[in-house]
Amino acid sequence: MGIGAVLSSILAIVVALALVLGMAWGVIWLLKKLQDRQLGVAANGESEAPIRFLRSMPLGQRERVVLIEARGETMLVGVTAGSVTLLARWPEGQIPPKPLPAQVRF
């Protein structure tokens, strides 16, 4: 096997890899665009969706507390495997209180 055959084989592998990576990037880009359309994100990147995720904090394996904003109103929601419960609500213009500083335990 000559050096030309080895170089052509390596070139074929590099071209095939570039083609596969390009196709994967294209599929990911297309899926992101379709997902954004389903979530209501405009072409300019601005969100048209009425709900915006702010923060989340896990409380257990399947339980968490989620802070969301819906139409200007901020809500604290408890999410478990079987239900979603509104825990607190702040009207538009009010912000949730800052957390208390952590206490040091000895």
PDB file of N, CA and C in Angstrom:
ATOM      1  N   MET A   1       0.862  -1.162   0.000  1.00  0.00           N
ATOM      2  CA  MET A   1       0.000   0.000   0.000  1.00  0.00           C
ATOM      3  C   MET A   1       0.911   1.229   0.000  1.00  0.00           C
ATOM      4  N   GLY A   2       0.696   2.117  -0.963  1.00  0.00           N
ATOM      5  CA  GLY A   2       1.543   3.285  -1.091  1.00  0.00           C
ATOM      6  C   GLY A   2       1.052   4.442  -0.238  1.00  0.00           C
ATOM      7  N   ILE A   3       1.893   5.468  -0.181  1.00  0.00           N
ATOM      8  CA  ILE A   3       1.560   6.657   0.603  1.00  0.00           C
ATOM      9  C   ILE A   3       0.341   7.375   0.032  1.00  0.00           C
ATOM     10  N   GLY A   4       0.160   7.303  -1.280  1.00  0.00           N
ATOM     11  CA  GLY A   4      -1.001   7.937  -1.914  1.00  0.00           C
ATOM     12  C   GLY A   4      -2.303   7.299  -1.482  1.00  0.00           C
ATOM     13  N   ALA A   5      -2.308   5.980  -1.365  1.00  0.00           N
ATOM     14  CA  ALA A   5      -3.521   5.268  -0.939  1.00  0.00           C
ATOM     15  C   ALA A   5      -3.856   5.596   0.515  1.00  0.00           C
ATOM     16  N   VAL A   6      -2.836   5.691   1.363  1.00  0.00           N
ATOM     17  CA  VAL A   6      -3.057   6.024   2.769  1.00  0.00           C
ATOM     18  C   VAL A   6      -3.606   7.441   2.903  1.00  0.00           C
ATOM     19  N   LEU A   7      -3.003   8.378   2.156  1.00  0.00           N
ATOM     20  CA  LEU A   7      -3.478   9.767   2.216  1.00  0.00           C
ATOM     21  C   LEU A   7      -4.900   9.901   1.675  1.00  0.00           C
ATOM     22  N   SER A   8      -5.220   9.179   0.633  1.00  0.00           N
ATOM     23  CA  SER A   8      -6.589   9.265   0.098  1.00  0.00           C
ATOM     24  C   SER A   8      -7.589   8.647   1.071  1.00  0.00           C
ATOM     25  N   SER A   9      -7.191   7.595   1.785  1.00  0.00           N
ATOM     26  CA  SER A   9      -8.075   6.999   2.791  1.00  0.00           C
ATOM     27  C   SER A   9      -8.305   7.961   3.951  1.00  0.00           C
ATOM     28  N   ILE A  10      -7.246   8.609   4.409  1.00  0.00           N
ATOM     29  CA  ILE A  10      -7.377   9.581   5.500  1.00  0.00           C
ATOM     30  C   ILE A  10      -8.242  10.753   5.055  1.00  0.00           C
ATOM     31  N   LEU A  11      -8.049  11.225   3.825  1.00  0.00           N
ATOM     32  CA  LEU A  11      -8.863  12.324   3.298  1.00  0.00           C
ATOM     33  C   LEU A  11     -10.333  11.928   3.219  1.00  0.00           C
ATOM     34  N   ALA A  12     -10.604  10.691   2.795  1.00  0.00           N
ATOM     35  CA  ALA A  12     -11.988  10.212   2.722  1.00  0.00           C
ATOM     36  C   ALA A  12     -12.621  10.170   4.110  1.00  0.00           C
ATOM     37  N   ILE A  13     -11.858   9.742   5.113  1.00  0.00           N
ATOM     38  CA  ILE A  13     -12.377   9.687   6.482  1.00  0.00           C
ATOM     39  C   ILE A  13     -12.658  11.093   7.004  1.00  0.00           C
ATOM     40  N   VAL A  14     -11.766  12.033   6.757  1.00  0.00           N
ATOM     41  CA  VAL A  14     -11.947  13.407   7.218  1.00  0.00           C
ATOM     42  C   VAL A  14     -13.169  14.040   6.541  1.00  0.00           C
ATOM     43  N   VAL A  15     -13.333  13.806   5.237  1.00  0.00           N
ATOM     44  CA  VAL A  15     -14.494  14.360   4.525  1.00  0.00           C
ATOM     45  C   VAL A  15     -15.783  13.745   5.061  1.00  0.00           C
ATOM     46  N   ALA A  16     -15.794  12.428   5.295  1.00  0.00           N
ATOM     47  CA  ALA A  16     -16.987  11.767   5.837  1.00  0.00           C
ATOM     48  C   ALA A  16     -17.318  12.292   7.225  1.00  0.00           C
ATOM     49  N   LEU A  17     -16.296  12.483   8.063  1.00  0.00           N
ATOM     50  CA  LEU A  17     -16.515  13.017   9.408  1.00  0.00           C
ATOM     51  C   LEU A  17     -17.077  14.437   9.351  1.00  0.00           C
ATOM     52  N   ALA A  18     -16.519  15.267   8.464  1.00  0.00           N
ATOM     53  CA  ALA A  18     -17.024  16.633   8.322  1.00  0.00           C
ATOM     54  C   ALA A  18     -18.476  16.624   7.846  1.00  0.00           C
ATOM     55  N   LEU A  19     -18.813  15.710   6.938  1.00  0.00           N
ATOM     56  CA  LEU A  19     -20.187  15.615   6.447  1.00  0.00           C
ATOM     57  C   LEU A  19     -21.143  15.199   7.571  1.00  0.00           C
ATOM     58  N   VAL A  20     -20.760  14.207   8.358  1.00  0.00           N
ATOM     59  CA  VAL A  20     -21.611  13.746   9.466  1.00  0.00           C
ATOM     60  C   VAL A  20     -21.773  14.837  10.519  1.00  0.00           C
ATOM     61  N   LEU A  21     -20.683  15.522  10.883  1.00  0.00           N
ATOM     62  CA  LEU A  21     -20.778  16.600  11.869  1.00  0.00           C
ATOM     63  C   LEU A  21     -21.631  17.755  11.350  1.00  0.00           C
ATOM     64  N   GLY A  22     -21.509  18.074  10.071  1.00  0.00           N
ATOM     65  CA  GLY A  22     -22.338  19.127   9.484  1.00  0.00           C
ATOM     66  C   GLY A  22     -23.811  18.758   9.494  1.00  0.00           C
ATOM     67  N   MET A  23     -24.113  17.506   9.185  1.00  0.00           N
ATOM     68  CA  MET A  23     -25.513  17.063   9.219  1.00  0.00           C
ATOM     69  C   MET A  23     -26.054  17.087  10.642  1.00  0.00           C
ATOM     70  N   ALA A  24     -25.249  16.673  11.619  1.00  0.00           N
ATOM     71  CA  ALA A  24     -25.690  16.699  13.019  1.00  0.00           C
ATOM     72  C   ALA A  24     -25.960  18.129  13.469  1.00  0.00           C
ATOM     73  N   TRP A  25     -25.068  19.049  13.103  1.00  0.00           N
ATOM     74  CA  TRP A  25     -25.280  20.454  13.457  1.00  0.00           C
ATOM     75  C   TRP A  25     -26.566  20.971  12.821  1.00  0.00           C
ATOM     76  N   GLY A  26     -26.817  20.620  11.560  1.00  0.00           N
ATOM     77  CA  GLY A  26     -28.034  21.059  10.879  1.00  0.00           C
ATOM     78  C   GLY A  26     -29.294  20.532  11.544  1.00  0.00           C
ATOM     79  N   VAL A  27     -29.272  19.275  11.958  1.00  0.00           N
ATOM     80  CA  VAL A  27     -30.443  18.690  12.619  1.00  0.00           C
ATOM     81  C   VAL A  27     -30.674  19.357  13.968  1.00  0.00           C
ATOM     82  N   ILE A  28     -29.616  19.595  14.730  1.00  0.00           N
ATOM     83  CA  ILE A  28     -29.757  20.280  16.022  1.00  0.00           C
ATOM     84  C   ILE A  28     -30.296  21.690  15.829  1.00  0.00           C
ATOM     85  N   TRP A  29     -29.797  22.412  14.836  1.00  0.00           N
ATOM     86  CA  TRP A  29     -30.272  23.766  14.547  1.00  0.00           C
ATOM     87  C   TRP A  29     -31.758  23.746  14.187  1.00  0.00           C
ATOM     88  N   LEU A  30     -32.155  22.784  13.338  1.00  0.00           N
ATOM     89  CA  LEU A  30     -33.555  22.681  12.930  1.00  0.00           C
ATOM     90  C   LEU A  30     -34.453  22.352  14.122  1.00  0.00           C
ATOM     91  N   LEU A  31     -34.027  21.418  14.971  1.00  0.00           N
ATOM     92  CA  LEU A  31     -34.830  21.083  16.153  1.00  0.00           C
ATOM     93  C   LEU A  31     -34.968  22.264  17.098  1.00  0.00           C
ATOM     94  N   LYS A  32     -33.900  23.046  17.247  1.00  0.00           N
ATOM     95  CA  LYS A  32     -33.969  24.229  18.105  1.00  0.00           C
ATOM     96  C   LYS A  32     -34.964  25.238  17.563  1.00  0.00           C
ATOM     97  N   LYS A  33     -34.963  25.441  16.246  1.00  0.00           N
ATOM     98  CA  LYS A  33     -35.920  26.375  15.636  1.00  0.00           C
ATOM     99  C   LYS A  33     -37.353  25.885  15.817  1.00  0.00           C
ATOM    100  N   LEU A  34     -37.564  24.593  15.644  1.00  0.00           N
ATOM    101  CA  LEU A  34     -38.914  24.054  15.825  1.00  0.00           C
ATOM    102  C   LEU A  34     -39.358  24.153  17.272  1.00  0.00           C
ATOM    103  N   GLN A  35     -38.443  23.904  18.214  1.00  0.00           N
ATOM    104  CA  GLN A  35     -38.772  24.008  19.631  1.00  0.00           C
ATOM    105  C   GLN A  35     -39.085  25.454  20.002  1.00  0.00           C
ATOM    106  N   ASP A  36     -38.285  26.397  19.494  1.00  0.00           N
ATOM    107  CA  ASP A  36     -38.543  27.809  19.771  1.00  0.00           C
ATOM    108  C   ASP A  36     -39.908  28.222  19.238  1.00  0.00           C
ATOM    109  N   ARG A  37     -40.290  27.715  18.076  1.00  0.00           N
ATOM    110  CA  ARG A  37     -41.590  28.054  17.503  1.00  0.00           C
ATOM    111  C   ARG A  37     -42.712  27.520  18.388  1.00  0.00           C
ATOM    112  N   GLN A  38     -42.537  26.306  18.917  1.00  0.00           N
ATOM    113  CA  GLN A  38     -43.558  25.739  19.790  1.00  0.00           C
ATOM    114  C   GLN A  38     -43.649  26.476  21.120  1.00  0.00           C
ATOM    115  N   LEU A  39     -42.507  27.010  21.596  1.00  0.00           N
ATOM    116  CA  LEU A  39     -42.507  27.733  22.863  1.00  0.00           C
ATOM    117  C   LEU A  39     -42.922  29.188  22.706  1.00  0.00           C
ATOM    118  N   GLY A  40     -43.063  29.672  21.476  1.00  0.00           N
ATOM    119  CA  GLY A  40     -43.498  31.036  21.252  1.00  0.00           C
ATOM    120  C   GLY A  40     -42.385  32.046  21.260  1.00  0.00           C
ATOM    121  N   VAL A  41     -41.195  31.693  20.798  1.00  0.00           N
ATOM    122  CA  VAL A  41     -40.086  32.630  20.717  1.00  0.00           C
ATOM    123  C   VAL A  41     -40.090  33.231  19.321  1.00  0.00           C
ATOM    124  N   ALA A  42     -40.087  34.553  19.241  1.00  0.00           N
ATOM    125  CA  ALA A  42     -40.125  35.243  17.959  1.00  0.00           C
ATOM    126  C   ALA A  42     -38.793  35.087  17.228  1.00  0.00           C
ATOM    127  N   ALA A  43     -38.771  35.465  15.955  1.00  0.00           N
ATOM    128  CA  ALA A  43     -37.571  35.336  15.139  1.00  0.00           C
ATOM    129  C   ALA A  43     -36.428  36.201  15.671  1.00  0.00           C
ATOM    130  N   ASN A  44     -36.745  37.316  16.321  1.00  0.00           N
ATOM    131  CA  ASN A  44     -35.698  38.201  16.839  1.00  0.00           C
ATOM    132  C   ASN A  44     -35.187  37.756  18.214  1.00  0.00           C
ATOM    133  N   GLY A  45     -35.666  36.610  18.723  1.00  0.00           N
ATOM    134  CA  GLY A  45     -35.181  36.090  20.001  1.00  0.00           C
ATOM    135  C   GLY A  45     -36.008  36.526  21.197  1.00  0.00           C
ATOM    136  N   GLU A  46     -36.930  37.462  21.013  1.00  0.00           N
ATOM    137  CA  GLU A  46     -37.780  37.927  22.113  1.00  0.00           C
ATOM    138  C   GLU A  46     -38.855  36.888  22.398  1.00  0.00           C
ATOM    139  N   SER A  47     -39.106  36.648  23.648  1.00  0.00           N
ATOM    140  CA  SER A  47     -40.089  35.647  24.038  1.00  0.00           C
ATOM    141  C   SER A  47     -41.500  36.216  23.970  1.00  0.00           C
ATOM    142  N   GLU A  48     -42.372  35.478  23.293  1.00  0.00           N
ATOM    143  CA  GLU A  48     -43.787  35.840  23.247  1.00  0.00           C
ATOM    144  C   GLU A  48     -44.583  34.992  24.224  1.00  0.00           C
ATOM    145  N   ALA A  49     -43.905  34.014  24.816  1.00  0.00           N
ATOM    146  CA  ALA A  49     -44.577  33.089  25.719  1.00  0.00           C
ATOM    147  C   ALA A  49     -45.035  33.819  26.974  1.00  0.00           C
ATOM    148  N   PRO A  50     -46.219  33.494  27.474  1.00  0.00           N
ATOM    149  CA  PRO A  50     -46.722  34.170  28.668  1.00  0.00           C
ATOM    150  C   PRO A  50     -46.041  33.707  29.953  1.00  0.00           C
ATOM    151  N   ILE A  51     -45.272  32.612  29.927  1.00  0.00           N
ATOM    152  CA  ILE A  51     -44.626  32.096  31.125  1.00  0.00           C
ATOM    153  C   ILE A  51     -43.109  32.119  30.931  1.00  0.00           C
ATOM    154  N   ARG A  52     -42.401  32.627  31.956  1.00  0.00           N
ATOM    155  CA  ARG A  52     -40.945  32.680  31.904  1.00  0.00           C
ATOM    156  C   ARG A  52     -40.389  32.029  33.164  1.00  0.00           C
ATOM    157  N   PHE A  53     -39.481  31.089  32.996  1.00  0.00           N
ATOM    158  CA  PHE A  53     -38.832  30.388  34.102  1.00  0.00           C
ATOM    159  C   PHE A  53     -37.769  31.288  34.704  1.00  0.00           C
ATOM    160  N   LEU A  54     -37.772  31.458  36.043  1.00  0.00           N
ATOM    161  CA  LEU A  54     -36.780  32.282  36.713  1.00  0.00           C
ATOM    162  C   LEU A  54     -35.755  31.443  37.465  1.00  0.00           C
ATOM    163  N   ARG A  55     -36.221  30.591  38.380  1.00  0.00           N
ATOM    164  CA  ARG A  55     -35.314  29.768  39.192  1.00  0.00           C
ATOM    165  C   ARG A  55     -36.032  28.509  39.637  1.00  0.00           C
ATOM    166  N   SER A  56     -35.229  27.528  40.017  1.00  0.00           N
ATOM    167  CA  SER A  56     -35.771  26.278  40.530  1.00  0.00           C
ATOM    168  C   SER A  56     -34.865  25.767  41.637  1.00  0.00           C
ATOM    169  N   MET A  57     -35.473  25.116  42.631  1.00  0.00           N
ATOM    170  CA  MET A  57     -34.696  24.554  43.736  1.00  0.00           C
ATOM    171  C   MET A  57     -35.264  23.185  44.083  1.00  0.00           C
ATOM    172  N   PRO A  58     -34.449  22.139  43.972  1.00  0.00           N
ATOM    173  CA  PRO A  58     -34.950  20.803  44.314  1.00  0.00           C
ATOM    174  C   PRO A  58     -35.118  20.648  45.825  1.00  0.00           C
ATOM    175  N   LEU A  59     -36.181  19.969  46.216  1.00  0.00           N
ATOM    176  CA  LEU A  59     -36.444  19.711  47.629  1.00  0.00           C
ATOM    177  C   LEU A  59     -36.318  18.235  47.960  1.00  0.00           C
ATOM    178  N   GLY A  60     -36.395  17.403  46.960  1.00  0.00           N
ATOM    179  CA  GLY A  60     -36.297  15.959  47.134  1.00  0.00           C
ATOM    180  C   GLY A  60     -36.004  15.341  45.781  1.00  0.00           C
ATOM    181  N   GLN A  61     -36.242  14.018  45.666  1.00  0.00           N
ATOM    182  CA  GLN A  61     -35.973  13.362  44.393  1.00  0.00           C
ATOM    183  C   GLN A  61     -36.904  13.853  43.294  1.00  0.00           C
ATOM    184  N   ARG A  62     -38.166  14.029  43.610  1.00  0.00           N
ATOM    185  CA  ARG A  62     -39.140  14.448  42.600  1.00  0.00           C
ATOM    186  C   ARG A  62     -39.874  15.734  42.964  1.00  0.00           C
ATOM    187  N   GLU A  63     -39.464  16.384  44.015  1.00  0.00           N
ATOM    188  CA  GLU A  63     -40.123  17.604  44.449  1.00  0.00           C
ATOM    189  C   GLU A  63     -39.199  18.790  44.238  1.00  0.00           C
ATOM    190  N   ARG A  64     -39.798  19.917  43.831  1.00  0.00           N
ATOM    191  CA  ARG A  64     -39.010  21.137  43.670  1.00  0.00           C
ATOM    192  C   ARG A  64     -39.908  22.350  43.804  1.00  0.00           C
ATOM    193  N   VAL A  65     -39.278  23.484  44.070  1.00  0.00           N
ATOM    194  CA  VAL A  65     -39.953  24.767  44.131  1.00  0.00           C
ATOM    195  C   VAL A  65     -39.457  25.560  42.923  1.00  0.00           C
ATOM    196  N   VAL A  66     -40.391  26.142  42.171  1.00  0.00           N
ATOM    197  CA  VAL A  66     -40.049  26.844  40.941  1.00  0.00           C
ATOM    198  C   VAL A  66     -40.575  28.268  41.017  1.00  0.00           C
ATOM    199  N   LEU A  67     -39.734  29.227  40.664  1.00  0.00           N
ATOM    200  CA  LEU A  67     -40.118  30.632  40.600  1.00  0.00           C
ATOM    201  C   LEU A  67     -40.318  30.980  39.132  1.00  0.00           C
ATOM    202  N   ILE A  68     -41.542  31.391  38.767  1.00  0.00           N
ATOM    203  CA  ILE A  68     -41.865  31.712  37.375  1.00  0.00           C
ATOM    204  C   ILE A  68     -42.493  33.095  37.292  1.00  0.00           C
ATOM    205  N   GLU A  69     -42.493  33.648  36.092  1.00  0.00           N
ATOM    206  CA  GLU A  69     -43.164  34.918  35.833  1.00  0.00           C
ATOM    207  C   GLU A  69     -44.159  34.691  34.715  1.00  0.00           C
ATOM    208  N   ALA A  70     -45.387  35.070  34.945  1.00  0.00           N
ATOM    209  CA  ALA A  70     -46.444  34.916  33.951  1.00  0.00           C
ATOM    210  C   ALA A  70     -47.174  36.237  33.804  1.00  0.00           C
ATOM    211  N   ARG A  71     -47.050  36.855  32.635  1.00  0.00           N
ATOM    212  CA  ARG A  71     -47.701  38.129  32.317  1.00  0.00           C
ATOM    213  C   ARG A  71     -47.392  39.193  33.361  1.00  0.00           C
ATOM    214  N   GLY A  72     -46.128  39.250  33.767  1.00  0.00           N
ATOM    215  CA  GLY A  72     -45.687  40.283  34.706  1.00  0.00           C
ATOM    216  C   GLY A  72     -45.844  39.924  36.162  1.00  0.00           C
ATOM    217  N   GLU A  73     -46.555  38.876  36.450  1.00  0.00           N
ATOM    218  CA  GLU A  73     -46.784  38.465  37.835  1.00  0.00           C
ATOM    219  C   GLU A  73     -45.794  37.353  38.194  1.00  0.00           C
ATOM    220  N   THR A  74     -45.140  37.448  39.348  1.00  0.00           N
ATOM    221  CA  THR A  74     -44.172  36.448  39.788  1.00  0.00           C
ATOM    222  C   THR A  74     -44.859  35.465  40.726  1.00  0.00           C
ATOM    223  N   MET A  75     -44.636  34.168  40.492  1.00  0.00           N
ATOM    224  CA  MET A  75     -45.285  33.133  41.295  1.00  0.00           C
ATOM    225  C   MET A  75     -44.278  32.094  41.756  1.00  0.00           C
ATOM    226  N   LEU A  76     -44.468  31.617  42.970  1.00  0.00           N
ATOM    227  CA  LEU A  76     -43.681  30.520  43.516  1.00  0.00           C
ATOM    228  C   LEU A  76     -44.575  29.291  43.475  1.00  0.00           C
ATOM    229  N   VAL A  77     -44.109  28.242  42.782  1.00  0.00           N
ATOM    230  CA  VAL A  77     -44.926  27.061  42.546  1.00  0.00           C
ATOM    231  C   VAL A  77     -44.204  25.841  43.089  1.00  0.00           C
ATOM    232  N   GLY A  78     -44.933  24.983  43.791  1.00  0.00           N
ATOM    233  CA  GLY A  78     -44.398  23.712  44.258  1.00  0.00           C
ATOM    234  C   GLY A  78     -44.771  22.631  43.264  1.00  0.00           C
ATOM    235  N   VAL A  79     -43.786  21.863  42.820  1.00  0.00           N
ATOM    236  CA  VAL A  79     -44.020  20.834  41.817  1.00  0.00           C
ATOM    237  C   VAL A  79     -43.618  19.488  42.393  1.00  0.00           C
ATOM    238  N   THR A  80     -44.560  18.526  42.370  1.00  0.00           N
ATOM    239  CA  THR A  80     -44.281  17.159  42.791  1.00  0.00           C
ATOM    240  C   THR A  80     -44.622  16.234  41.632  1.00  0.00           C
ATOM    241  N   ALA A  81     -44.444  14.941  41.839  1.00  0.00           N
ATOM    242  CA  ALA A  81     -44.740  13.976  40.784  1.00  0.00           C
ATOM    243  C   ALA A  81     -46.227  13.969  40.430  1.00  0.00           C
ATOM    244  N   GLY A  82     -47.081  14.315  41.386  1.00  0.00           N
ATOM    245  CA  GLY A  82     -48.513  14.232  41.144  1.00  0.00           C
ATOM    246  C   GLY A  82     -49.265  15.541  41.076  1.00  0.00           C
ATOM    247  N   SER A  83     -48.626  16.678  41.389  1.00  0.00           N
ATOM    248  CA  SER A  83     -49.382  17.931  41.404  1.00  0.00           C
ATOM    249  C   SER A  83     -48.472  19.141  41.263  1.00  0.00           C
ATOM    250  N   VAL A  84     -49.114  20.257  40.966  1.00  0.00           N
ATOM    251  CA  VAL A  84     -48.474  21.568  40.922  1.00  0.00           C
ATOM    252  C   VAL A  84     -49.305  22.484  41.818  1.00  0.00           C
ATOM    253  N   THR A  85     -48.662  23.142  42.796  1.00  0.00           N
ATOM    254  CA  THR A  85     -49.380  23.958  43.767  1.00  0.00           C
ATOM    255  C   THR A  85     -48.800  25.365  43.809  1.00  0.00           C
ATOM    256  N   LEU A  86     -49.675  26.365  43.768  1.00  0.00           N
ATOM    257  CA  LEU A  86     -49.249  27.749  43.907  1.00  0.00           C
ATOM    258  C   LEU A  86     -48.954  28.014  45.380  1.00  0.00           C
ATOM    259  N   LEU A  87     -47.712  28.422  45.687  1.00  0.00           N
ATOM    260  CA  LEU A  87     -47.309  28.664  47.063  1.00  0.00           C
ATOM    261  C   LEU A  87     -47.359  30.142  47.431  1.00  0.00           C
ATOM    262  N   ALA A  88     -46.985  31.022  46.503  1.00  0.00           N
ATOM    263  CA  ALA A  88     -46.991  32.463  46.761  1.00  0.00           C
ATOM    264  C   ALA A  88     -47.103  33.198  45.435  1.00  0.00           C
ATOM    265  N   ARG A  89     -47.609  34.447  45.522  1.00  0.00           N
ATOM    266  CA  ARG A  89     -47.795  35.260  44.317  1.00  0.00           C
ATOM    267  C   ARG A  89     -47.446  36.699  44.625  1.00  0.00           C
ATOM    268  N   TRP A  90     -46.715  37.335  43.706  1.00  0.00           N
ATOM    269  CA  TRP A  90     -46.363  38.741  43.828  1.00  0.00           C
ATOM    270  C   TRP A  90     -46.893  39.470  42.608  1.00  0.00           C
ATOM    271  N   PRO A  91     -47.735  40.497  42.806  1.00  0.00           N
ATOM    272  CA  PRO A  91     -48.294  41.237  41.668  1.00  0.00           C
ATOM    273  C   PRO A  91     -47.208  41.920  40.840  1.00  0.00           C
ATOM    274  N   GLU A  92     -47.609  42.375  39.669  1.00  0.00           N
ATOM    275  CA  GLU A  92     -46.678  43.056  38.765  1.00  0.00           C
ATOM    276  C   GLU A  92     -46.079  44.271  39.457  1.00  0.00           C
ATOM    277  N   GLY A  93     -44.787  44.440  39.327  1.00  0.00           N
ATOM    278  CA  GLY A  93     -44.102  45.574  39.932  1.00  0.00           C
ATOM    279  C   GLY A  93     -43.472  45.243  41.272  1.00  0.00           C
ATOM    280  N   GLN A  94     -43.977  44.235  41.976  1.00  0.00           N
ATOM    281  CA  GLN A  94     -43.376  43.817  43.241  1.00  0.00           C
ATOM    282  C   GLN A  94     -42.396  42.688  42.966  1.00  0.00           C
ATOM    283  N   ILE A  95     -41.318  42.677  43.717  1.00  0.00           N
ATOM    284  CA  ILE A  95     -40.350  41.598  43.569  1.00  0.00           C
ATOM    285  C   ILE A  95     -40.386  40.730  44.808  1.00  0.00           C
ATOM    286  N   PRO A  96     -40.075  39.449  44.665  1.00  0.00           N
ATOM    287  CA  PRO A  96     -40.065  38.579  45.848  1.00  0.00           C
ATOM    288  C   PRO A  96     -39.025  39.050  46.845  1.00  0.00           C
ATOM    289  N   PRO A  97     -39.278  38.842  48.135  1.00  0.00           N
ATOM    290  CA  PRO A  97     -38.305  39.267  49.150  1.00  0.00           C
ATOM    291  C   PRO A  97     -37.004  38.493  48.995  1.00  0.00           C
ATOM    292  N   LYS A  98     -35.899  39.137  49.396  1.00  0.00           N
ATOM    293  CA  LYS A  98     -34.590  38.482  49.332  1.00  0.00           C
ATOM    294  C   LYS A  98     -34.519  37.424  50.418  1.00  0.00           C
ATOM    295  N   PRO A  99     -33.787  36.348  50.157  1.00  0.00           N
ATOM    296  CA  PRO A  99     -33.685  35.300  51.182  1.00  0.00           C
ATOM    297  C   PRO A  99     -32.906  35.786  52.397  1.00  0.00           C
ATOM    298  N   LEU A 100     -33.238  35.205  53.541  1.00  0.00           N
ATOM    299  CA  LEU A 100     -32.522  35.523  54.766  1.00  0.00           C
ATOM    300  C   LEU A 100     -31.120  34.930  54.685  1.00  0.00           C
ATOM    301  N   PRO A 101     -30.151  35.562  55.333  1.00  0.00           N
ATOM    302  CA  PRO A 101     -28.801  35.004  55.298  1.00  0.00           C
ATOM    303  C   PRO A 101     -28.777  33.641  55.995  1.00  0.00           C
ATOM    304  N   ALA A 102     -27.945  32.747  55.493  1.00  0.00           N
ATOM    305  CA  ALA A 102     -27.847  31.407  56.071  1.00  0.00           C
ATOM    306  C   ALA A 102     -27.266  31.485  57.469  1.00  0.00           C
ATOM    307  N   GLN A 103     -27.842  30.709  58.359  1.00  0.00           N
ATOM    308  CA  GLN A 103     -27.352  30.676  59.733  1.00  0.00           C
ATOM    309  C   GLN A 103     -26.220  29.670  59.832  1.00  0.00           C
ATOM    310  N   VAL A 104     -25.251  29.975  60.649  1.00  0.00           N
ATOM    311  CA  VAL A 104     -24.115  29.089  60.846  1.00  0.00           C
ATOM    312  C   VAL A 104     -24.464  28.127  61.976  1.00  0.00           C
ATOM    313  N   ARG A 105     -24.314  26.840  61.719  1.00  0.00           N
ATOM    314  CA  ARG A 105     -24.592  25.828  62.735  1.00  0.00           C
ATOM    315  C   ARG A 105     -23.299  25.184  63.158  1.00  0.00           C
ATOM    316  N   PHE A 106     -23.176  24.958  64.464  1.00  0.00           N
ATOM    317  CA  PHE A 106     -21.960  24.332  64.999  1.00  0.00           C
ATOM    318  C   PHE A 106     -22.269  22.970  65.537  1.00  0.00           C
TER     319      PHE A 106
END
